Amino acid sequence: MNADTAAPRGTSWLLTPTLEKQCWGFMIGSTLFAVGSAPGFVDWAGASVANLCFFVGAWFFTAAALVQLRLSGESAITTPSGGRQFRPEWLSAASQFIGTLLFNVSTAAALHADTITEERRRVWTPDAAGSVAFLVSGILAVIVCAHALRIWAPRSREWWATQLNLLGCVAFGASAVGAYVTTSGATVNTTVAVDGTFIGAICFLVSAALSLPHQQRPTVAAGATPAPQV
């Protein structure tokens, strides 16, 4: 095989969405968020390093969410009456992808925000909106999982991954509430903001690890049952 033939295949592999790439993207992004919000990390490394962890981690989240959106399949189906209806799998993936984009905005602004106004509008606002998008995604994923499996299926990896994903979304939401910046520049509850991020990141990490394909079990497409998410 010559180089001209091998190169396209390598490029094709890199650009082809797979569940494995999706899971690793979420795992790496979650790890960076967990490190940035780990107890004592800011005191040791400084806020700038922590913000950089969040910024890089958010991009891994976005890449993984884009893969999940691609894997979720068609956005809508035709109903028996002839109309079109959005698929909950796609809506869940789309909501999550939008949330990651908002986190990109928030974490990028946090790198250089130096006024109260910037903190409130460019950091907290997209962060809060992204957390809401994640929560919507997590709830839709639970609905999809309940339809594909059942409401209570503790023996299923996919069920645990979905529940942990929702728990992570709730923790991120609590973190956004705690991180609210008042007009005086004070944070409502720094402990809730930091701990919520850390707990959410750990939940997303474990959720993605549970969804990672294994050789001894069939791979479940993201469009069939919900995959992890940030």
Protein backbone atom coordinates (compact mmCIF):
# COMPACT_ATOMS: atom_id res chain seq x y z
CA MET A 1 0.00 0.00 0.00
CA ASN A 2 1.44 3.38 -0.95
CA ALA A 3 1.30 6.61 1.06
CA ASP A 4 -1.31 8.17 -1.22
CA THR A 5 -3.70 5.33 -0.44
CA ALA A 6 -3.00 5.21 3.31
CA ALA A 7 -3.38 8.93 4.02
CA PRO A 8 -7.07 9.25 3.11
CA ARG A 9 -7.86 6.23 5.28
CA GLY A 10 -6.12 7.81 8.24
CA THR A 11 -7.98 11.07 7.70
CA SER A 12 -11.25 9.20 7.29
CA TRP A 13 -10.70 7.36 10.58
CA LEU A 14 -10.00 10.61 12.40
CA LEU A 15 -13.17 12.29 11.10
CA THR A 16 -15.47 9.28 11.49
CA PRO A 17 -17.72 9.64 14.57
CA THR A 18 -17.65 6.63 16.90
CA LEU A 19 -18.98 5.92 20.37
CA GLU A 20 -15.43 5.30 21.56
CA LYS A 21 -14.30 8.79 20.47
CA GLN A 22 -17.38 10.30 22.07
CA CYS A 23 -16.68 8.59 25.40
CA TRP A 24 -12.99 9.50 25.44
CA GLY A 25 -13.82 13.10 24.63
CA PHE A 26 -16.18 13.32 27.59
CA MET A 27 -13.73 11.47 29.83
CA ILE A 28 -10.85 13.84 29.03
CA GLY A 29 -13.07 16.92 29.35
CA SER A 30 -14.50 15.68 32.65
CA THR A 31 -11.04 14.96 34.00
CA LEU A 32 -9.90 18.50 33.24
CA PHE A 33 -12.99 19.96 34.91
CA ALA A 34 -12.46 17.70 37.91
CA VAL A 35 -8.83 18.77 38.20
CA GLY A 36 -9.67 22.46 37.89
CA SER A 37 -12.30 22.22 40.65
CA ALA A 38 -10.52 19.70 42.87
CA PRO A 39 -10.27 20.70 46.56
CA GLY A 40 -7.18 22.83 47.10
CA PHE A 41 -6.19 22.98 43.43
CA VAL A 42 -6.83 26.72 43.03
CA ASP A 43 -4.82 27.47 46.17
CA TRP A 44 -1.95 25.37 44.85
CA ALA A 45 -1.96 26.20 41.13
CA GLY A 46 -3.83 29.49 40.99
CA ALA A 47 -7.14 30.58 39.44
CA SER A 48 -5.57 31.13 36.01
CA VAL A 49 -4.47 27.49 35.74
CA ALA A 50 -7.87 26.27 36.93
CA ASN A 51 -9.63 28.46 34.35
CA LEU A 52 -7.32 27.08 31.67
CA CYS A 53 -8.32 23.54 32.66
CA PHE A 54 -11.97 24.49 32.27
CA PHE A 55 -11.33 26.18 28.92
CA VAL A 56 -9.52 23.16 27.43
CA GLY A 57 -11.96 20.72 29.01
CA ALA A 58 -14.93 22.57 27.51
CA TRP A 59 -13.49 22.04 24.02
CA PHE A 60 -13.20 18.30 24.63
CA PHE A 61 -16.84 18.38 25.78
CA THR A 62 -17.82 20.17 22.58
CA ALA A 63 -15.95 17.72 20.35
CA ALA A 64 -17.54 14.76 22.14
CA ALA A 65 -21.00 16.34 22.03
CA LEU A 66 -20.62 16.92 18.29
CA VAL A 67 -19.77 13.25 17.82
CA GLN A 68 -22.81 12.28 19.88
CA LEU A 69 -25.01 14.57 17.80
CA ARG A 70 -23.71 12.92 14.63
CA LEU A 71 -24.36 9.47 16.08
CA SER A 72 -27.86 10.34 17.25
CA GLY A 73 -29.23 9.96 13.73
CA GLU A 74 -32.01 11.86 12.01
CA SER A 75 -33.44 14.86 13.82
CA ALA A 76 -37.07 13.96 13.15
CA ILE A 77 -39.32 11.11 12.09
CA THR A 78 -42.56 10.97 10.15
CA THR A 79 -45.62 10.34 12.32
CA PRO A 80 -48.52 8.08 11.28
CA SER A 81 -50.52 11.22 10.51
CA GLY A 82 -47.88 12.34 8.03
CA GLY A 83 -46.37 15.07 10.19
CA ARG A 84 -42.80 15.40 11.44
CA GLN A 85 -41.74 14.87 15.04
CA PHE A 86 -38.35 15.51 16.65
CA ARG A 87 -36.66 12.42 18.02
CA PRO A 88 -35.85 12.69 21.78
CA GLU A 89 -32.41 11.11 21.17
CA TRP A 90 -31.53 13.90 18.78
CA LEU A 91 -33.02 16.61 20.99
CA SER A 92 -30.97 15.33 23.92
CA ALA A 93 -27.75 15.37 21.89
CA ALA A 94 -28.55 18.77 20.35
CA SER A 95 -29.31 20.34 23.75
CA GLN A 96 -26.05 19.02 25.12
CA PHE A 97 -24.08 20.31 22.14
CA ILE A 98 -25.58 23.78 22.58
CA GLY A 99 -24.67 23.60 26.26
CA THR A 100 -21.05 22.82 25.47
CA LEU A 101 -20.85 25.78 23.09
CA LEU A 102 -22.11 28.05 25.86
CA PHE A 103 -19.46 26.61 28.17
CA ASN A 104 -16.86 27.46 25.53
CA VAL A 105 -18.00 31.08 25.68
CA SER A 106 -18.05 31.11 29.48
CA THR A 107 -14.67 29.46 30.01
CA ALA A 108 -13.02 31.62 27.34
CA ALA A 109 -14.36 34.79 28.95
CA ALA A 110 -13.17 33.63 32.37
CA LEU A 111 -9.57 33.64 31.12
CA HIS A 112 -9.49 37.42 30.83
CA ALA A 113 -12.60 38.85 32.51
CA ASP A 114 -11.44 41.63 34.85
CA THR A 115 -14.61 43.54 35.70
CA ILE A 116 -17.82 42.70 37.56
CA THR A 117 -19.84 43.40 34.42
CA GLU A 118 -17.79 40.93 32.39
CA GLU A 119 -18.07 38.31 35.12
CA ARG A 120 -21.85 38.66 35.19
CA ARG A 121 -22.55 38.88 31.46
CA ARG A 122 -19.76 36.97 29.73
CA VAL A 123 -18.89 34.32 32.30
CA TRP A 124 -21.88 33.57 34.51
CA THR A 125 -24.71 34.09 32.00
CA PRO A 126 -23.51 31.58 29.35
CA ASP A 127 -22.47 29.22 32.15
CA ALA A 128 -25.98 29.27 33.60
CA ALA A 129 -27.58 28.88 30.16
CA GLY A 130 -25.23 25.99 29.38
CA SER A 131 -26.18 24.30 32.65
CA VAL A 132 -29.88 24.59 31.76
CA ALA A 133 -29.18 23.06 28.34
CA PHE A 134 -27.31 20.20 30.02
CA LEU A 135 -30.21 19.62 32.41
CA VAL A 136 -32.68 19.46 29.52
CA SER A 137 -30.38 17.02 27.74
CA GLY A 138 -30.03 14.84 30.84
CA ILE A 139 -33.80 14.64 31.40
CA LEU A 140 -34.41 13.72 27.77
CA ALA A 141 -31.72 11.05 27.99
CA VAL A 142 -33.46 9.50 31.01
CA ILE A 143 -36.75 9.45 29.08
CA VAL A 144 -35.06 7.74 26.14
CA CYS A 145 -33.39 5.22 28.44
CA ALA A 146 -36.69 4.43 30.21
CA HIS A 147 -38.31 3.81 26.83
CA ALA A 148 -35.46 1.62 25.54
CA LEU A 149 -34.94 -0.32 28.78
CA ARG A 150 -37.22 0.56 31.68
CA ILE A 151 -37.37 3.13 34.45
CA TRP A 152 -35.51 0.86 36.90
CA ALA A 153 -32.73 -1.24 35.32
CA PRO A 154 -29.75 -1.27 37.73
CA ARG A 155 -28.15 -4.25 35.98
CA SER A 156 -27.66 -2.21 32.81
CA ARG A 157 -24.51 -0.18 32.18
CA GLU A 158 -26.49 2.20 29.96
CA TRP A 159 -29.01 2.80 32.76
CA TRP A 160 -26.28 3.70 35.27
CA ALA A 161 -24.52 5.89 32.71
CA THR A 162 -27.75 7.80 32.08
CA GLN A 163 -28.56 8.28 35.78
CA LEU A 164 -25.03 9.48 36.56
CA ASN A 165 -25.19 11.82 33.59
CA LEU A 166 -28.38 13.39 34.94
CA LEU A 167 -26.83 13.68 38.41
CA GLY A 168 -23.86 15.46 36.82
CA CYS A 169 -26.21 17.86 35.05
CA VAL A 170 -27.96 18.66 38.35
CA ALA A 171 -24.58 19.23 40.04
CA PHE A 172 -23.50 21.61 37.25
CA GLY A 173 -26.80 23.45 37.66
CA ALA A 174 -26.18 23.83 41.40
CA SER A 175 -22.68 25.05 40.62
CA ALA A 176 -24.07 27.75 38.33
CA VAL A 177 -26.46 28.92 41.06
CA GLY A 178 -23.62 29.09 43.59
CA ALA A 179 -21.40 30.94 41.11
CA TYR A 180 -23.85 33.80 40.60
CA VAL A 181 -22.03 37.12 40.79
CA THR A 182 -23.81 39.92 42.64
CA THR A 183 -23.62 43.58 41.66
CA SER A 184 -20.94 44.03 44.32
CA GLY A 185 -18.77 41.37 42.67
CA ALA A 186 -19.28 38.71 45.34
CA THR A 187 -20.03 35.08 44.53
CA VAL A 188 -23.22 33.74 46.15
CA ASN A 189 -21.62 30.52 47.40
CA THR A 190 -18.11 29.63 46.30
CA THR A 191 -18.22 26.22 48.00
CA VAL A 192 -21.36 25.18 46.10
CA ALA A 193 -19.92 26.54 42.85
CA VAL A 194 -16.64 24.61 43.16
CA ASP A 195 -18.01 21.42 44.70
CA GLY A 196 -20.89 21.29 42.19
CA THR A 197 -18.42 21.46 39.32
CA PHE A 198 -16.23 18.77 40.86
CA ILE A 199 -19.11 16.39 41.61
CA GLY A 200 -20.63 16.95 38.17
CA ALA A 201 -17.30 16.30 36.45
CA ILE A 202 -16.83 13.03 38.36
CA CYS A 203 -20.35 11.93 37.44
CA PHE A 204 -19.72 12.69 33.76
CA LEU A 205 -16.38 10.87 33.89
CA VAL A 206 -17.88 7.69 35.32
CA SER A 207 -20.87 7.92 32.98
CA ALA A 208 -18.60 8.12 29.95
CA ALA A 209 -16.42 5.26 31.24
CA LEU A 210 -19.50 3.05 31.65
CA SER A 211 -20.56 3.83 28.08
CA LEU A 212 -17.14 3.06 26.63
CA PRO A 213 -17.44 0.12 24.21
CA HIS A 214 -15.87 -3.18 25.26
CA GLN A 215 -14.77 -5.99 23.01
CA GLN A 216 -16.83 -8.58 24.83
CA ARG A 217 -20.12 -6.76 24.54
CA PRO A 218 -21.93 -5.25 21.56
CA THR A 219 -21.57 -1.51 21.01
CA VAL A 220 -24.79 0.41 21.58
CA ALA A 221 -25.25 3.36 19.26
CA ALA A 222 -25.96 6.71 20.86
CA GLY A 223 -29.20 6.96 18.92
CA ALA A 224 -30.50 3.74 20.50
CA THR A 225 -29.85 4.52 24.16
CA PRO A 226 -28.48 7.68 25.68
CA ALA A 227 -24.73 8.02 25.88
CA PRO A 228 -22.88 10.05 28.50
CA GLN A 229 -22.71 13.54 28.80
CA VAL A 230 -21.38 16.51 30.18
